Protein backbone atom coordinates (compact mmCIF):
# COMPACT_ATOMS: atom_id res chain seq x y z
CA MET A 1 5.85 14.69 65.84
CA SER A 2 4.26 14.54 69.30
CA VAL A 3 3.01 11.37 70.94
CA LYS A 4 -0.59 12.47 70.47
CA GLU A 5 -0.17 13.01 66.73
CA GLU A 6 1.60 9.66 66.33
CA ASN A 7 -1.23 7.83 68.08
CA THR A 8 -3.76 9.66 65.92
CA SER A 9 -1.96 8.64 62.70
CA LYS A 10 -1.82 5.02 63.78
CA SER A 11 -5.49 5.01 64.63
CA GLU A 12 -6.38 6.39 61.17
CA LYS A 13 -6.12 3.19 59.18
CA LEU A 14 -7.49 2.89 55.67
CA THR A 15 -9.90 0.06 55.24
CA ILE A 16 -9.60 -2.60 52.54
CA ASN A 17 -12.58 -1.14 50.70
CA VAL A 18 -10.79 2.18 50.31
CA LEU A 19 -7.49 0.61 49.26
CA THR A 20 -9.08 -1.61 46.62
CA LYS A 21 -10.44 1.45 44.82
CA PHE A 22 -6.86 2.25 43.75
CA ILE A 23 -6.58 -1.03 41.85
CA LYS A 24 -8.21 -1.40 38.43
CA SER A 25 -8.38 -4.44 36.18
CA TYR A 26 -5.44 -5.38 33.94
CA SER A 27 -5.58 -7.59 30.83
CA GLY A 28 -1.89 -7.90 29.96
CA ASP A 29 -1.52 -4.83 27.74
CA ARG A 30 2.04 -3.53 27.55
CA ASP A 31 1.05 0.14 27.34
CA THR A 32 -1.18 0.09 30.43
CA LEU A 33 1.23 -1.92 32.60
CA PRO A 34 3.11 1.10 34.08
CA ALA A 35 -0.14 2.75 35.22
CA PHE A 36 -1.39 -0.51 36.75
CA LEU A 37 1.85 -1.07 38.65
CA THR A 38 1.84 2.52 39.92
CA ASN A 39 -1.72 2.20 41.28
CA CYS A 40 -0.86 -1.07 43.00
CA ASP A 41 2.29 0.45 44.55
CA ASN A 42 0.23 3.35 45.91
CA ALA A 43 -2.29 0.99 47.48
CA ILE A 44 0.43 -1.16 49.05
CA SER A 45 2.25 1.88 50.44
CA LEU A 46 -0.90 3.14 52.17
CA ALA A 47 -1.85 -0.25 53.59
CA GLN A 48 -0.79 -1.71 56.88
CA PRO A 49 1.57 -4.72 56.93
CA GLU A 50 -1.24 -7.07 57.88
CA GLN A 51 -3.24 -5.87 54.85
CA HIS A 52 -0.54 -6.59 52.26
CA HIS A 53 -1.45 -10.24 51.80
CA ILE A 54 -5.12 -9.43 51.26
CA LEU A 55 -4.26 -6.71 48.74
CA CYS A 56 -1.95 -9.07 46.86
CA LYS A 57 -4.76 -11.60 46.47
CA TYR A 58 -7.13 -8.83 45.38
CA ILE A 59 -4.63 -7.65 42.74
CA ILE A 60 -4.46 -11.20 41.36
CA SER A 61 -8.26 -11.29 41.16
CA GLN A 62 -8.23 -8.10 39.05
CA LEU A 63 -6.18 -9.71 36.28
CA ASP A 64 -8.01 -10.49 33.03
CA GLY A 65 -7.26 -12.18 29.73
CA LYS A 66 -3.72 -13.31 29.11
CA ALA A 67 -2.52 -11.78 32.38
CA GLN A 68 -4.91 -13.98 34.35
CA LEU A 69 -3.91 -17.03 32.32
CA ALA A 70 -0.19 -16.43 32.92
CA CYS A 71 -0.55 -15.85 36.67
CA SER A 72 -2.91 -18.78 37.21
CA LEU A 73 -0.04 -21.21 36.69
CA LYS A 74 2.03 -19.71 39.52
CA THR A 75 1.62 -18.92 43.21
CA PHE A 76 2.40 -15.46 44.60
CA GLU A 77 2.47 -14.66 48.31
CA THR A 78 3.76 -11.07 48.22
CA TRP A 79 3.29 -8.08 45.97
CA PRO A 80 7.00 -7.77 44.98
CA GLU A 81 6.90 -11.31 43.55
CA LEU A 82 3.78 -10.56 41.50
CA LYS A 83 5.17 -7.21 40.35
CA SER A 84 8.43 -8.75 39.16
CA PHE A 85 6.56 -11.44 37.21
CA LEU A 86 4.27 -8.92 35.51
CA LYS A 87 7.22 -6.72 34.50
CA SER A 88 9.18 -9.62 33.05
CA THR A 89 6.19 -11.11 31.21
CA PHE A 90 4.27 -8.09 29.94
CA GLY A 91 6.86 -5.32 30.21
CA GLU A 92 8.89 -3.65 27.48
CA LYS A 93 11.04 -6.11 25.54
CA LYS A 94 13.20 -3.56 23.72
CA HIS A 95 16.35 -2.14 25.24
CA SER A 96 16.33 1.48 26.34
CA GLN A 97 18.85 2.39 23.62
CA HIS A 98 16.53 0.94 21.00
CA LEU A 99 13.59 2.93 22.36
CA LEU A 100 15.70 6.08 22.39
CA SER A 101 16.69 5.51 18.76
CA ASP A 102 13.03 5.03 17.76
CA LEU A 103 12.14 8.36 19.33
CA GLN A 104 15.00 10.28 17.71
CA ASN A 105 14.25 8.89 14.23
CA CYS A 106 10.60 9.94 14.20
CA LYS A 107 9.72 12.28 11.32
CA GLN A 108 6.42 13.35 9.83
CA LEU A 109 5.57 11.40 6.69
CA HIS A 110 4.38 13.00 3.47
CA ASN A 111 0.75 11.89 3.80
CA GLU A 112 0.67 12.02 7.63
CA SER A 113 -1.17 14.67 9.59
CA VAL A 114 0.23 16.47 12.63
CA THR A 115 -2.13 14.58 14.93
CA GLN A 116 -0.96 11.19 13.66
CA PHE A 117 2.68 12.23 13.96
CA SER A 118 2.15 13.47 17.53
CA LEU A 119 0.58 10.13 18.49
CA ARG A 120 3.70 8.31 17.31
CA ILE A 121 5.91 10.66 19.34
CA GLU A 122 3.78 10.22 22.46
CA SER A 123 3.78 6.44 22.07
CA CYS A 124 7.58 6.32 21.89
CA LEU A 125 7.86 8.70 24.84
CA THR A 126 5.47 6.65 26.98
CA ARG A 127 7.35 3.43 26.34
CA LEU A 128 10.68 5.11 27.07
CA GLN A 129 9.43 6.67 30.31
CA ALA A 130 7.94 3.35 31.43
CA ASP A 131 11.27 1.63 30.85
CA ILE A 132 13.07 4.32 32.86
CA HIS A 133 10.52 4.08 35.66
CA ASN A 134 10.92 0.31 35.91
CA SER A 135 14.70 0.18 35.54
CA CYS A 136 15.71 3.17 37.65
CA THR A 137 16.83 2.02 41.10
CA ASP A 138 17.74 5.47 42.41
CA LYS A 139 14.47 7.33 42.87
CA THR A 140 16.27 10.65 43.18
CA GLN A 141 17.28 10.41 39.50
CA LEU A 142 13.86 9.35 38.25
CA ASN A 143 12.33 12.80 37.83
CA GLY A 144 15.41 14.18 36.08
CA ARG A 145 15.61 11.32 33.57
CA ILE A 146 11.90 11.53 32.76
CA ALA A 147 12.16 15.31 32.28
CA ALA A 148 15.13 14.81 29.94
CA MET A 149 13.09 12.41 27.80
CA GLU A 150 10.25 14.95 27.62
CA ASP A 151 12.65 17.62 26.34
CA LEU A 152 14.03 15.18 23.79
CA ALA A 153 10.51 14.34 22.59
CA LEU A 154 9.71 18.06 22.27
CA ASN A 155 12.76 18.78 20.11
CA THR A 156 12.21 15.66 18.02
CA PHE A 157 8.60 16.64 17.36
CA ILE A 158 9.47 20.20 16.31
CA MET A 159 12.34 19.21 14.04
CA GLY A 160 10.40 16.28 12.57
CA LEU A 161 7.51 18.43 11.35
CA LYS A 162 7.21 19.60 7.77
CA PRO A 163 9.49 22.61 7.12
CA ASN A 164 6.75 25.24 6.77
CA ILE A 165 5.03 24.18 10.01
CA SER A 166 8.28 23.51 11.90
CA THR A 167 9.51 27.06 11.31
CA ILE A 168 6.38 28.64 12.75
CA VAL A 169 6.28 26.32 15.77
CA ARG A 170 9.94 27.07 16.58
CA CYS A 171 9.20 30.80 16.42
CA ARG A 172 6.53 30.39 19.09
CA ASP A 173 9.06 28.66 21.40
CA PRO A 174 6.84 26.07 23.12
CA THR A 175 8.02 24.75 26.49
CA THR A 176 6.12 21.44 26.55
CA LEU A 177 5.18 18.81 24.02
CA ASN A 178 1.47 19.54 24.42
CA ASP A 179 2.02 23.22 23.57
CA ALA A 180 4.01 22.31 20.48
CA ILE A 181 1.29 19.91 19.32
CA THR A 182 -1.38 22.59 19.80
CA HIS A 183 0.57 25.16 17.74
CA ALA A 184 1.33 22.64 15.01
CA VAL A 185 -2.29 21.48 14.67
CA SER A 186 -3.61 25.05 14.44
CA GLU A 187 -0.97 25.97 11.85
CA GLU A 188 -1.80 22.87 9.79
CA LYS A 189 -5.47 23.88 9.70
CA LEU A 190 -4.58 27.39 8.50
CA THR A 191 -2.29 25.99 5.81
CA ASN A 192 -5.01 23.67 4.54
CA LEU A 193 -7.55 26.49 4.42
CA ASN A 194 -5.18 28.73 2.47
CA SER A 195 -4.38 26.01 -0.03
CA ILE A 196 -8.09 25.32 -0.61
CA SER A 197 -8.89 29.01 -1.14
CA GLN A 198 -6.02 29.46 -3.59
CA ARG A 199 -7.04 26.34 -5.46
CA THR A 200 -10.61 27.60 -5.96
CA LEU A 201 -9.38 30.90 -7.42
CA LYS A 202 -7.40 29.20 -10.19
CA THR A 203 -9.18 28.90 -13.54
CA CYS A 204 -7.77 27.16 -16.59
CA SER A 205 -8.05 29.13 -19.83
CA THR A 206 -7.87 25.93 -21.90
CA CYS A 207 -10.53 23.69 -20.36
CA LYS A 208 -12.36 26.47 -18.43
CA LYS A 209 -12.19 24.48 -15.19
CA GLN A 210 -11.15 25.66 -11.74
CA GLY A 211 -8.39 24.29 -9.59
CA HIS A 212 -5.43 24.59 -11.98
CA LEU A 213 -3.87 26.89 -14.56
CA SER A 214 -3.50 26.46 -18.31
CA HIS A 215 0.12 25.26 -18.14
CA ASP A 216 -0.98 22.50 -15.72
CA SER A 217 -3.93 21.44 -17.85
CA PHE A 218 -4.21 17.77 -18.73
CA THR A 219 -5.51 18.69 -22.18
CA ASN A 220 -2.46 20.85 -22.86
CA ASN A 221 0.04 18.22 -21.80
CA TYR A 222 -1.47 15.36 -23.78
CA HIS A 223 -2.87 17.14 -26.86
CA VAL A 224 -1.14 16.19 -30.11
CA PRO A 225 -1.26 19.01 -32.70
CA ALA A 226 -2.65 18.23 -36.14
CA SER A 227 0.54 19.42 -37.87
CA THR A 228 2.43 16.47 -36.42
CA TYR A 229 0.78 14.10 -38.89
CA PRO A 230 -0.13 16.25 -41.93
CA ASN A 231 -0.82 13.33 -44.31
CA LYS A 232 -2.90 11.33 -41.92
CA LYS A 233 -6.57 11.22 -42.85
CA PRO A 234 -9.18 11.29 -40.13
CA PHE A 235 -10.72 7.95 -39.38
CA HIS A 236 -14.48 7.70 -39.70
CA PRO A 237 -15.82 4.38 -38.49
CA ASN A 238 -18.22 2.62 -40.85
CA ASN A 239 -21.07 0.88 -39.13
CA ASN A 240 -21.68 -1.38 -42.13
CA TYR A 241 -18.09 -2.63 -42.08
CA SER A 242 -18.67 -5.16 -39.37
CA GLU A 243 -21.86 -6.45 -41.06
CA LYS A 244 -20.18 -7.62 -44.31
CA PHE A 245 -19.28 -11.29 -44.75
CA CYS A 246 -17.64 -12.94 -47.73
CA ALA A 247 -19.17 -16.24 -48.86
CA TYR A 248 -16.01 -17.09 -50.83
CA CYS A 249 -13.15 -16.77 -48.30
CA LYS A 250 -15.39 -16.86 -45.19
CA HIS A 251 -13.89 -13.64 -43.80
CA LYS A 252 -15.66 -10.61 -42.40
CA GLY A 253 -15.36 -7.04 -43.64
CA HIS A 254 -16.26 -7.47 -47.35
CA ILE A 255 -18.63 -9.27 -49.67
CA ILE A 256 -17.94 -11.77 -52.44
CA SER A 257 -17.88 -9.15 -55.18
CA GLU A 258 -15.12 -7.29 -53.28
CA CYS A 259 -13.09 -10.38 -52.42
CA ARG A 260 -9.47 -10.00 -53.51
CA LYS A 261 -8.79 -13.70 -53.15
CA ARG A 262 -11.58 -14.54 -55.60
CA GLN A 263 -10.34 -11.95 -58.07
CA TYR A 264 -6.82 -13.32 -57.86
CA ASN A 265 -7.94 -16.92 -58.35
CA ASN A 266 -10.11 -16.01 -61.32
CA GLN A 267 -7.30 -14.06 -62.95
CA HIS A 268 -4.82 -16.89 -62.37
CA ARG A 269 -7.27 -19.43 -63.81
CA GLY A 270 -7.84 -17.25 -66.89
CA ASN A 271 -4.12 -17.00 -67.56
CA ASN A 272 -3.78 -20.78 -67.44
CA ASN A 273 -6.66 -21.30 -69.88
CA SER A 274 -5.31 -18.75 -72.38
CA GLN A 275 -1.98 -20.62 -72.88
CA PRO A 276 -2.00 -22.76 -76.17
CA GLU A 277 -1.68 -26.53 -75.91
CA PRO A 278 1.39 -28.06 -77.56
CA SER A 279 0.69 -29.81 -80.93
CA ALA A 280 1.48 -33.41 -81.58
CA HIS A 281 4.15 -32.55 -84.12
CA THR A 282 5.85 -30.14 -81.73
CA SER A 283 5.73 -32.64 -78.93
CA SER A 284 7.18 -35.37 -81.04
CA ALA A 285 9.87 -33.09 -82.30
CA ALA A 286 10.76 -32.05 -78.80
CA ALA A 287 10.80 -35.60 -77.59
CA SER A 288 13.04 -36.81 -80.38
CA PRO A 289 16.54 -35.35 -80.35
CA ARG A 290 17.91 -33.87 -83.58
CA GLY A 291 14.44 -34.06 -85.18
CA THR A 292 14.36 -37.90 -85.39
CA THR A 293 11.43 -39.97 -84.13
CA ASN A 294 11.39 -43.51 -82.84
CA ALA A 295 8.46 -45.63 -84.02
CA SER A 296 8.78 -48.12 -81.19
CA PHE A 297 8.18 -45.39 -78.57
CA PRO A 298 5.09 -43.43 -79.66
CA THR A 299 4.66 -39.97 -78.36
CA ARG A 300 1.87 -39.62 -75.75
CA VAL A 301 -0.08 -36.42 -75.26
CA HIS A 302 -1.99 -35.92 -71.99
CA CYS A 303 -5.28 -34.03 -72.14
CA CYS A 304 -7.95 -33.31 -69.57
CA ASP A 305 -11.52 -33.97 -70.51
CA THR A 306 -13.36 -31.44 -68.32
CA SER A 307 -16.75 -32.73 -69.30
CA LEU A 308 -16.09 -36.32 -68.20
CA GLY A 309 -13.55 -35.56 -65.48
CA GLU A 310 -11.23 -38.32 -66.85
CA ASP A 311 -7.72 -38.31 -68.25
CA VAL A 312 -7.38 -39.30 -71.90
CA ASN A 313 -4.07 -40.45 -73.40
CA LEU A 314 -3.59 -39.91 -77.10
CA ASN A 315 -0.98 -41.84 -79.01
CA VAL A 316 0.61 -39.95 -81.83
CA ASN A 317 2.45 -42.18 -84.34
């Protein structure tokens, strides 16, 4: 570089107004921390040494929410101090091996769409790349490690898809994760359209409804043939059944003339009345052993006077 070009580059200084446009607000979100730190690093690298202190104070003023609350309790004079505090407070807490395991174990769930599955893959990849970017001290290895994680995310996404979609995506041989997501989403749409068209063509011969065949019919699976219970009579509900009430037993379902309890009690009472009463001679004979009677102990016969409701004792001499 000539002396003229060097003087020209020194004279072309970026003003504070231009440098502050690199720096956006930050509220303490873990996912947006890598982008915020990158923008601040770019602004600091383009600034002159005498502008670093002003930019550091401006970065502190751009903090919102929990990030502002955490930094308000401390004093920062340089950007490296503030950057280290933000990384330790709001950075990734998981170890890189844990993040790598989360990415490798991602698989599409049964009720999960391709778009939802791709968002999980991209979230794991972003967190893993942010951890590599913050922990890598050798900048010459940074691009290679990030590219390796992108290849791993691509293979994990393809192999984690459902088998019918994964086969087609592998045949198209995508080179990036975005290409694989595009192929998978388009194939999922075609699969859904084909399944809907095939479902509308099906007609059940049993229930005459569309969407299934006769062997899948609900009526077929749960219909009990009449021959299973040949002696069982069909039940016909009687509307008058619930209106009957017995005045004798106080139960519902029948009237007093149909009451079984009343019939039983009447029959039992009739049997008791039809039995002959023992005579005085028979009673005395039964009371006296070997046919002898004792005059000092007269035989007593108990009778019930139903008209008076009193007990009458008769002495038989």
